[in-house]
Amino acid sequence: MPDNSARAVALDPQWLPHTYGPDGAQLTSVFVPRDSHAGLMFLAEEHYKGAYPKVTHRAADVAAQLAAAPAAPLHFIFHTAFCCSTLMVKALDIPGRALGLKEPDVLINLANRFAALDDPANRQRLELVLRLLARPFAAGETVIVKPTNFANRLILPALELRPEARAVLLHSDLATLLRSLLKRGMWGRIWGRKLYRSAAAWTSLDFGFDPGETFELTDLQVAGLAWLLQIHHFGEAVRRMGPRVMVVDSADFTADPAATLGHVAAFFGLGLDAAAVAGIAAGPVFSSHSKFSQLDYSVGAREAEHEAAVAAHGEEIEMVVKWIDAVARHCGTSLNPAAPAVR
């Protein structure tokens, strides 16, 4: 059993913040060695499966020990889901150079708190978590955090608390998201409705639908609205944070991984030269499934899956894409987060 004292939890990066208790005073941490990260799809309870020790301390006790912990540069990859964000963070996970953290559970816990109330207490909780996530495993490492897209409520608070941090805002177009949901069947459709319910609770875009009208929408219409809420929020982050955020279209990433990785690595200050980036783009990360590493995968395989979804549901996808375009124009918002605000 590793040392699980409050001091060890504060100083050892193997102790990851995992979740706050109901009153926000207790912080549970989970012990995940560096070499275990690659085998975990996400840093989440459903993937730990009881195999990693946990301990709970008063958050204040952990915070009191943090002064002696090293701090690395901290950056983020926020995303709209099913747009190769896991692939991107895995490609940039380079021991000794950068540590990629895939969807730590604690960030969705915090995002839910912020959705209810953005107050000093929750800002303090986020500050502690960011400080803990910024501990490197090796001197000179940069830490890159990819939250779940259900934690996108944290984009602005996280960047406000970390003035040196930068964020990639990775997105797909709507048709790509819808195809990704459809290939997941019923569970994909349910996921789209959950995303809408989550994002609609806190984003500033109001479609004007009452609950009855929302209930009457199809699954894909609701998922389309959820996508638009995320794109609108990304646009707000661009306008608020300017050069501290970089908008990346996943189509550009899949079409030319080396070029996109080079831009992102430079944006995060990773110091990778062209040869190193080319080596990553030609390496095993891009030939296996980003979430299921035991499976062979490729851009071509991803496109084949999407083509199958289009063959079965192409007419519905096209109708929803056109409808969302009309909704966006009606609301005065853009379908591209990098575009200027619509007046």
Protein backbone atom coordinates (compact mmCIF):
# COMPACT_ATOMS: atom_id res chain seq x y z
CA MET A 1 0.00 0.00 0.00
CA PRO A 2 1.52 3.35 -0.99
CA ASP A 3 1.89 6.13 1.55
CA ASN A 4 -1.57 7.69 1.67
CA SER A 5 -0.99 10.53 4.11
CA ALA A 6 -2.23 14.00 3.19
CA ARG A 7 1.38 15.00 2.54
CA ALA A 8 1.98 12.07 0.17
CA VAL A 9 -1.27 12.79 -1.66
CA ALA A 10 -0.14 16.39 -2.12
CA LEU A 11 3.42 15.65 -3.25
CA ASP A 12 3.17 12.42 -5.27
CA PRO A 13 1.64 12.85 -8.78
CA GLN A 14 0.63 9.20 -8.71
CA TRP A 15 -2.13 10.33 -6.35
CA LEU A 16 -4.69 11.89 -8.71
CA PRO A 17 -7.61 13.96 -7.42
CA HIS A 18 -10.69 11.84 -8.04
CA THR A 19 -13.82 13.40 -6.53
CA TYR A 20 -15.08 15.83 -3.93
CA GLY A 21 -17.56 14.64 -1.32
CA PRO A 22 -21.11 16.01 -1.20
CA ASP A 23 -20.23 19.03 0.93
CA GLY A 24 -17.04 19.76 -1.01
CA ALA A 25 -14.85 19.59 2.09
CA GLN A 26 -13.47 16.08 1.50
CA LEU A 27 -11.27 15.14 -1.47
CA THR A 28 -10.84 11.53 -2.53
CA SER A 29 -7.66 10.68 -4.45
CA VAL A 30 -6.75 7.57 -6.44
CA PHE A 31 -3.26 6.09 -6.83
CA VAL A 32 -2.45 5.60 -10.53
CA PRO A 33 1.22 4.94 -11.45
CA ARG A 34 2.55 6.59 -14.60
CA ASP A 35 2.85 3.29 -16.48
CA SER A 36 -0.83 2.50 -15.81
CA HIS A 37 -2.15 5.56 -17.66
CA ALA A 38 -1.73 4.09 -21.13
CA GLY A 39 -3.89 1.07 -20.28
CA LEU A 40 -6.77 3.16 -18.95
CA MET A 41 -9.26 4.52 -21.46
CA PHE A 42 -10.08 7.37 -19.07
CA LEU A 43 -9.13 8.33 -15.53
CA ALA A 44 -12.62 7.45 -14.38
CA GLU A 45 -14.28 5.20 -11.84
CA GLU A 46 -15.74 2.86 -14.46
CA HIS A 47 -12.25 2.14 -15.76
CA TYR A 48 -10.47 1.85 -12.40
CA LYS A 49 -12.73 -1.11 -11.49
CA GLY A 50 -11.44 -1.18 -7.91
CA ALA A 51 -7.87 -1.92 -9.00
CA TYR A 52 -6.35 1.33 -7.76
CA PRO A 53 -6.15 2.37 -4.08
CA LYS A 54 -8.15 5.39 -2.92
CA VAL A 55 -7.95 7.62 0.13
CA THR A 56 -10.04 10.54 1.38
CA HIS A 57 -8.69 13.59 3.23
CA ARG A 58 -9.99 17.00 4.09
CA ALA A 59 -9.22 19.09 1.01
CA ALA A 60 -7.73 21.78 3.26
CA ASP A 61 -5.23 19.26 4.67
CA VAL A 62 -4.02 18.35 1.18
CA ALA A 63 -3.84 22.01 0.13
CA ALA A 64 -1.74 22.82 3.19
CA GLN A 65 0.98 20.41 1.99
CA LEU A 66 1.18 21.55 -1.63
CA ALA A 67 3.84 24.25 -1.30
CA ALA A 68 6.64 21.69 -1.69
CA ALA A 69 5.15 20.01 -4.77
CA PRO A 70 6.67 20.83 -8.18
CA ALA A 71 4.41 22.54 -10.71
CA ALA A 72 4.53 22.01 -14.47
CA PRO A 73 3.06 24.17 -17.23
CA LEU A 74 -0.61 23.18 -17.52
CA HIS A 75 -2.67 23.23 -20.73
CA PHE A 76 -6.00 21.79 -21.89
CA ILE A 77 -7.74 20.05 -24.77
CA PHE A 78 -11.46 20.80 -24.58
CA HIS A 79 -13.68 19.17 -27.20
CA THR A 80 -17.20 18.56 -28.48
CA ALA A 81 -16.96 14.73 -28.34
CA PHE A 82 -16.21 12.11 -31.01
CA CYS A 83 -13.67 14.41 -32.65
CA CYS A 84 -10.37 12.57 -31.99
CA SER A 85 -9.57 14.34 -28.71
CA THR A 86 -8.43 11.08 -27.08
CA LEU A 87 -6.18 10.44 -30.07
CA MET A 88 -4.70 13.92 -29.76
CA VAL A 89 -3.91 13.70 -26.05
CA LYS A 90 -2.44 10.21 -26.49
CA ALA A 91 -0.23 11.48 -29.31
CA LEU A 92 1.08 14.24 -27.06
CA ASP A 93 1.68 11.96 -24.06
CA ILE A 94 5.46 11.77 -24.27
CA PRO A 95 7.18 10.67 -21.02
CA GLY A 96 9.76 13.24 -20.01
CA ARG A 97 8.26 15.86 -22.33
CA ALA A 98 4.49 15.90 -21.73
CA LEU A 99 1.96 14.07 -19.58
CA GLY A 100 -1.52 13.61 -21.04
CA LEU A 101 -4.37 13.18 -18.55
CA LYS A 102 -7.51 11.67 -20.08
CA GLU A 103 -10.79 12.81 -18.56
CA PRO A 104 -10.13 12.80 -14.80
CA ASP A 105 -13.42 12.18 -13.00
CA VAL A 106 -12.86 15.10 -10.64
CA LEU A 107 -13.43 17.59 -13.47
CA ILE A 108 -16.98 16.45 -14.16
CA ASN A 109 -17.61 16.65 -10.41
CA LEU A 110 -16.39 20.25 -10.46
CA ALA A 111 -18.26 21.13 -13.66
CA ASN A 112 -21.52 20.02 -12.07
CA ARG A 113 -20.77 22.22 -9.06
CA PHE A 114 -20.03 25.21 -11.31
CA ALA A 115 -23.24 24.61 -13.28
CA ALA A 116 -25.10 25.09 -10.01
CA LEU A 117 -22.98 27.95 -8.62
CA ASP A 118 -19.81 29.74 -9.70
CA ASP A 119 -18.73 31.03 -6.30
CA PRO A 120 -15.43 31.51 -4.39
CA ALA A 121 -15.75 28.11 -2.70
CA ASN A 122 -15.99 26.26 -6.02
CA ARG A 123 -13.19 28.39 -7.47
CA GLN A 124 -11.05 27.32 -4.51
CA ARG A 125 -11.89 23.67 -5.16
CA LEU A 126 -10.97 24.05 -8.82
CA GLU A 127 -7.74 25.83 -7.88
CA LEU A 128 -6.70 22.90 -5.69
CA VAL A 129 -7.47 20.35 -8.41
CA LEU A 130 -5.58 22.30 -11.09
CA ARG A 131 -2.59 22.55 -8.77
CA LEU A 132 -2.69 18.80 -8.16
CA LEU A 133 -3.06 17.96 -11.85
CA ALA A 134 -0.08 20.19 -12.68
CA ARG A 135 2.41 17.98 -10.82
CA PRO A 136 4.74 16.37 -13.38
CA PHE A 137 6.10 12.84 -13.17
CA ALA A 138 9.47 14.06 -14.48
CA ALA A 139 11.28 17.37 -14.39
CA GLY A 140 10.60 19.46 -17.48
CA GLU A 141 7.27 17.83 -18.34
CA THR A 142 4.24 19.81 -19.42
CA VAL A 143 0.84 18.54 -18.29
CA ILE A 144 -1.99 18.43 -20.87
CA VAL A 145 -5.46 17.73 -19.50
CA LYS A 146 -8.31 16.51 -21.69
CA PRO A 147 -11.56 16.80 -19.72
CA THR A 148 -14.76 15.07 -20.79
CA ASN A 149 -16.88 17.41 -22.90
CA PHE A 150 -19.47 17.26 -20.10
CA ALA A 151 -16.93 19.39 -18.17
CA ASN A 152 -16.77 22.21 -20.75
CA ARG A 153 -18.35 24.49 -18.14
CA LEU A 154 -14.79 24.74 -16.75
CA ILE A 155 -13.18 26.31 -19.84
CA LEU A 156 -13.37 29.91 -18.69
CA PRO A 157 -12.87 29.35 -14.92
CA ALA A 158 -9.83 27.14 -15.53
CA LEU A 159 -8.20 29.64 -17.88
CA GLU A 160 -9.02 32.51 -15.55
CA LEU A 161 -7.39 30.71 -12.62
CA ARG A 162 -4.34 29.77 -14.72
CA PRO A 163 -3.28 32.87 -16.71
CA GLU A 164 -0.36 31.00 -18.31
CA ALA A 165 -2.52 28.08 -19.44
CA ARG A 166 -3.65 27.60 -23.02
CA ALA A 167 -6.46 25.51 -24.44
CA VAL A 168 -7.13 23.75 -27.71
CA LEU A 169 -10.83 23.78 -28.59
CA LEU A 170 -11.25 20.69 -30.77
CA HIS A 171 -14.51 20.19 -32.62
CA SER A 172 -16.09 18.33 -35.51
CA ASP A 173 -18.86 19.43 -37.80
CA LEU A 174 -22.39 18.39 -36.86
CA ALA A 175 -22.70 15.62 -39.43
CA THR A 176 -19.62 13.91 -38.00
CA LEU A 177 -21.05 14.01 -34.48
CA LEU A 178 -24.39 12.61 -35.64
CA ARG A 179 -22.73 9.78 -37.55
CA SER A 180 -20.68 8.93 -34.44
CA LEU A 181 -23.83 8.77 -32.32
CA LEU A 182 -25.72 6.66 -34.83
CA LYS A 183 -23.04 4.01 -35.04
CA ARG A 184 -23.46 3.59 -31.26
CA GLY A 185 -27.14 2.80 -31.64
CA MET A 186 -29.59 3.47 -28.82
CA TRP A 187 -26.83 4.37 -26.36
CA GLY A 188 -25.52 7.05 -28.68
CA ARG A 189 -28.99 8.59 -28.95
CA ILE A 190 -29.39 8.56 -25.17
CA TRP A 191 -25.95 10.14 -24.79
CA GLY A 192 -26.97 12.99 -27.11
CA ARG A 193 -30.01 13.78 -24.96
CA LYS A 194 -27.90 13.70 -21.79
CA LEU A 195 -25.43 16.12 -23.35
CA TYR A 196 -28.23 18.52 -24.28
CA ARG A 197 -29.67 18.43 -20.77
CA SER A 198 -26.22 19.10 -19.30
CA ALA A 199 -25.18 21.93 -21.62
CA ALA A 200 -28.58 23.64 -21.71
CA ALA A 201 -28.45 24.01 -17.92
CA TRP A 202 -25.61 26.53 -18.04
CA THR A 203 -24.73 27.79 -21.52
CA SER A 204 -25.85 31.28 -22.54
CA LEU A 205 -27.61 30.27 -25.77
CA ASP A 206 -31.40 30.02 -25.37
CA PHE A 207 -33.34 28.36 -28.18
CA GLY A 208 -36.69 29.40 -26.74
CA PHE A 209 -38.19 25.89 -26.71
CA ASP A 210 -40.47 25.02 -23.83
CA PRO A 211 -40.18 21.51 -22.29
CA GLY A 212 -43.02 20.16 -24.39
CA GLU A 213 -41.47 21.38 -27.64
CA THR A 214 -38.10 19.90 -26.66
CA PHE A 215 -39.73 16.56 -25.85
CA GLU A 216 -41.23 16.41 -29.34
CA LEU A 217 -37.84 16.76 -31.07
CA THR A 218 -36.13 13.68 -32.47
CA ASP A 219 -33.00 12.25 -30.85
CA LEU A 220 -30.81 13.68 -33.60
CA GLN A 221 -32.39 17.12 -33.36
CA VAL A 222 -31.66 17.20 -29.63
CA ALA A 223 -28.09 16.02 -30.23
CA GLY A 224 -27.73 18.74 -32.87
CA LEU A 225 -28.83 21.38 -30.37
CA ALA A 226 -26.30 20.00 -27.87
CA TRP A 227 -23.55 20.31 -30.48
CA LEU A 228 -24.59 23.89 -31.23
CA LEU A 229 -24.53 24.81 -27.53
CA GLN A 230 -20.95 23.59 -27.35
CA ILE A 231 -19.89 25.44 -30.50
CA HIS A 232 -21.48 28.64 -29.18
CA HIS A 233 -19.62 28.26 -25.88
CA PHE A 234 -16.34 27.69 -27.72
CA GLY A 235 -17.00 30.91 -29.63
CA GLU A 236 -17.46 32.77 -26.34
CA ALA A 237 -14.14 31.37 -25.11
CA VAL A 238 -12.43 32.56 -28.31
CA ARG A 239 -13.76 36.06 -27.83
CA ARG A 240 -12.90 36.13 -24.13
CA MET A 241 -9.48 34.46 -24.24
CA GLY A 242 -8.16 35.45 -27.67
CA PRO A 243 -4.69 34.00 -28.39
CA ARG A 244 -4.83 31.74 -25.34
CA VAL A 245 -7.15 29.37 -27.20
CA MET A 246 -6.67 27.56 -30.51
CA VAL A 247 -9.66 26.26 -32.46
CA VAL A 248 -8.94 22.98 -34.27
CA ASP A 249 -11.30 21.21 -36.66
CA SER A 250 -11.01 17.44 -36.31
CA ALA A 251 -11.25 17.11 -40.10
CA ASP A 252 -7.95 18.96 -40.39
CA PHE A 253 -6.44 16.73 -37.71
CA THR A 254 -7.42 13.49 -39.46
CA ALA A 255 -6.46 14.81 -42.90
CA ASP A 256 -2.95 15.89 -41.83
CA PRO A 257 -2.09 14.67 -38.33
CA ALA A 258 1.54 15.82 -38.46
CA ALA A 259 0.66 19.40 -39.39
CA THR A 260 -2.03 19.68 -36.72
CA LEU A 261 0.14 18.07 -34.04
CA GLY A 262 2.96 20.43 -34.95
CA HIS A 263 0.71 23.46 -34.48
CA VAL A 264 -0.68 22.17 -31.18
CA ALA A 265 2.75 21.19 -29.84
CA ALA A 266 4.09 24.65 -30.67
CA PHE A 267 1.02 26.28 -29.09
CA PHE A 268 1.66 24.33 -25.88
CA GLY A 269 5.42 25.07 -26.01
CA LEU A 270 6.46 21.41 -26.09
CA GLY A 271 9.61 22.02 -28.12
CA LEU A 272 9.03 19.21 -30.63
CA ASP A 273 10.83 19.53 -33.94
CA ALA A 274 9.33 18.47 -37.29
CA ALA A 275 11.03 15.08 -37.22
CA ALA A 276 9.65 14.27 -33.77
CA VAL A 277 6.14 15.27 -34.81
CA ALA A 278 6.36 13.26 -38.02
CA GLY A 279 7.50 10.24 -36.00
CA ILE A 280 4.48 10.49 -33.73
CA ALA A 281 2.09 10.87 -36.66
CA ALA A 282 3.58 7.79 -38.32
CA GLY A 283 3.72 5.79 -35.09
CA PRO A 284 1.52 3.25 -33.32
CA VAL A 285 -0.80 5.83 -31.72
CA PHE A 286 -2.34 6.45 -35.15
CA SER A 287 -2.69 2.78 -36.10
CA SER A 288 -4.68 1.58 -33.07
CA HIS A 289 -8.07 2.60 -31.74
CA SER A 290 -7.71 5.67 -29.51
CA LYS A 291 -9.98 4.20 -26.84
CA PHE A 292 -9.37 0.46 -27.32
CA SER A 293 -5.62 0.15 -27.82
CA GLN A 294 -5.83 -3.58 -28.55
CA LEU A 295 -7.77 -2.88 -31.75
CA ASP A 296 -6.16 -1.93 -35.04
CA TYR A 297 -7.62 1.29 -36.38
CA SER A 298 -7.03 3.97 -38.99
CA VAL A 299 -8.57 7.09 -40.48
CA GLY A 300 -9.85 4.86 -43.29
CA ALA A 301 -11.60 2.55 -40.82
CA ARG A 302 -13.22 5.54 -39.11
CA GLU A 303 -14.47 6.81 -42.46
CA ALA A 304 -15.86 3.38 -43.35
CA GLU A 305 -17.88 3.34 -40.11
CA HIS A 306 -19.21 6.82 -40.86
CA GLU A 307 -20.15 5.83 -44.42
CA ALA A 308 -22.18 2.94 -43.04
CA ALA A 309 -24.07 5.36 -40.78
CA VAL A 310 -24.75 7.64 -43.75
CA ALA A 311 -26.01 4.73 -45.83
CA ALA A 312 -28.58 3.91 -43.16
CA HIS A 313 -29.48 7.39 -41.91
CA GLY A 314 -28.21 9.86 -44.50
CA GLU A 315 -31.55 11.58 -45.14
CA GLU A 316 -32.18 12.20 -41.43
CA ILE A 317 -28.65 13.51 -40.91
CA GLU A 318 -29.01 15.92 -43.81
CA MET A 319 -32.35 17.19 -42.53
CA VAL A 320 -30.99 17.81 -39.02
CA VAL A 321 -27.88 19.58 -40.33
CA LYS A 322 -30.09 21.96 -42.36
CA TRP A 323 -32.40 22.49 -39.39
CA ILE A 324 -29.52 23.34 -37.04
CA ASP A 325 -28.21 25.81 -39.61
CA ALA A 326 -31.61 27.53 -39.53
CA VAL A 327 -31.68 27.49 -35.71
CA ALA A 328 -28.19 29.01 -35.55
CA ARG A 329 -29.16 31.80 -37.95
CA HIS A 330 -32.32 32.47 -35.95
CA CYS A 331 -30.30 32.70 -32.70
CA GLY A 332 -27.57 34.82 -34.28
CA THR A 333 -24.78 32.36 -33.53
CA SER A 334 -22.16 30.73 -35.73
CA LEU A 335 -21.59 27.11 -36.70
CA ASN A 336 -17.84 27.72 -36.46
CA PRO A 337 -16.38 28.79 -33.10
CA ALA A 338 -13.50 30.57 -34.84
CA ALA A 339 -15.91 32.83 -36.77
CA PRO A 340 -16.74 36.33 -35.53
CA ALA A 341 -19.85 36.71 -33.41
CA VAL A 342 -23.03 37.13 -35.44
CA ARG A 343 -24.72 40.47 -34.83
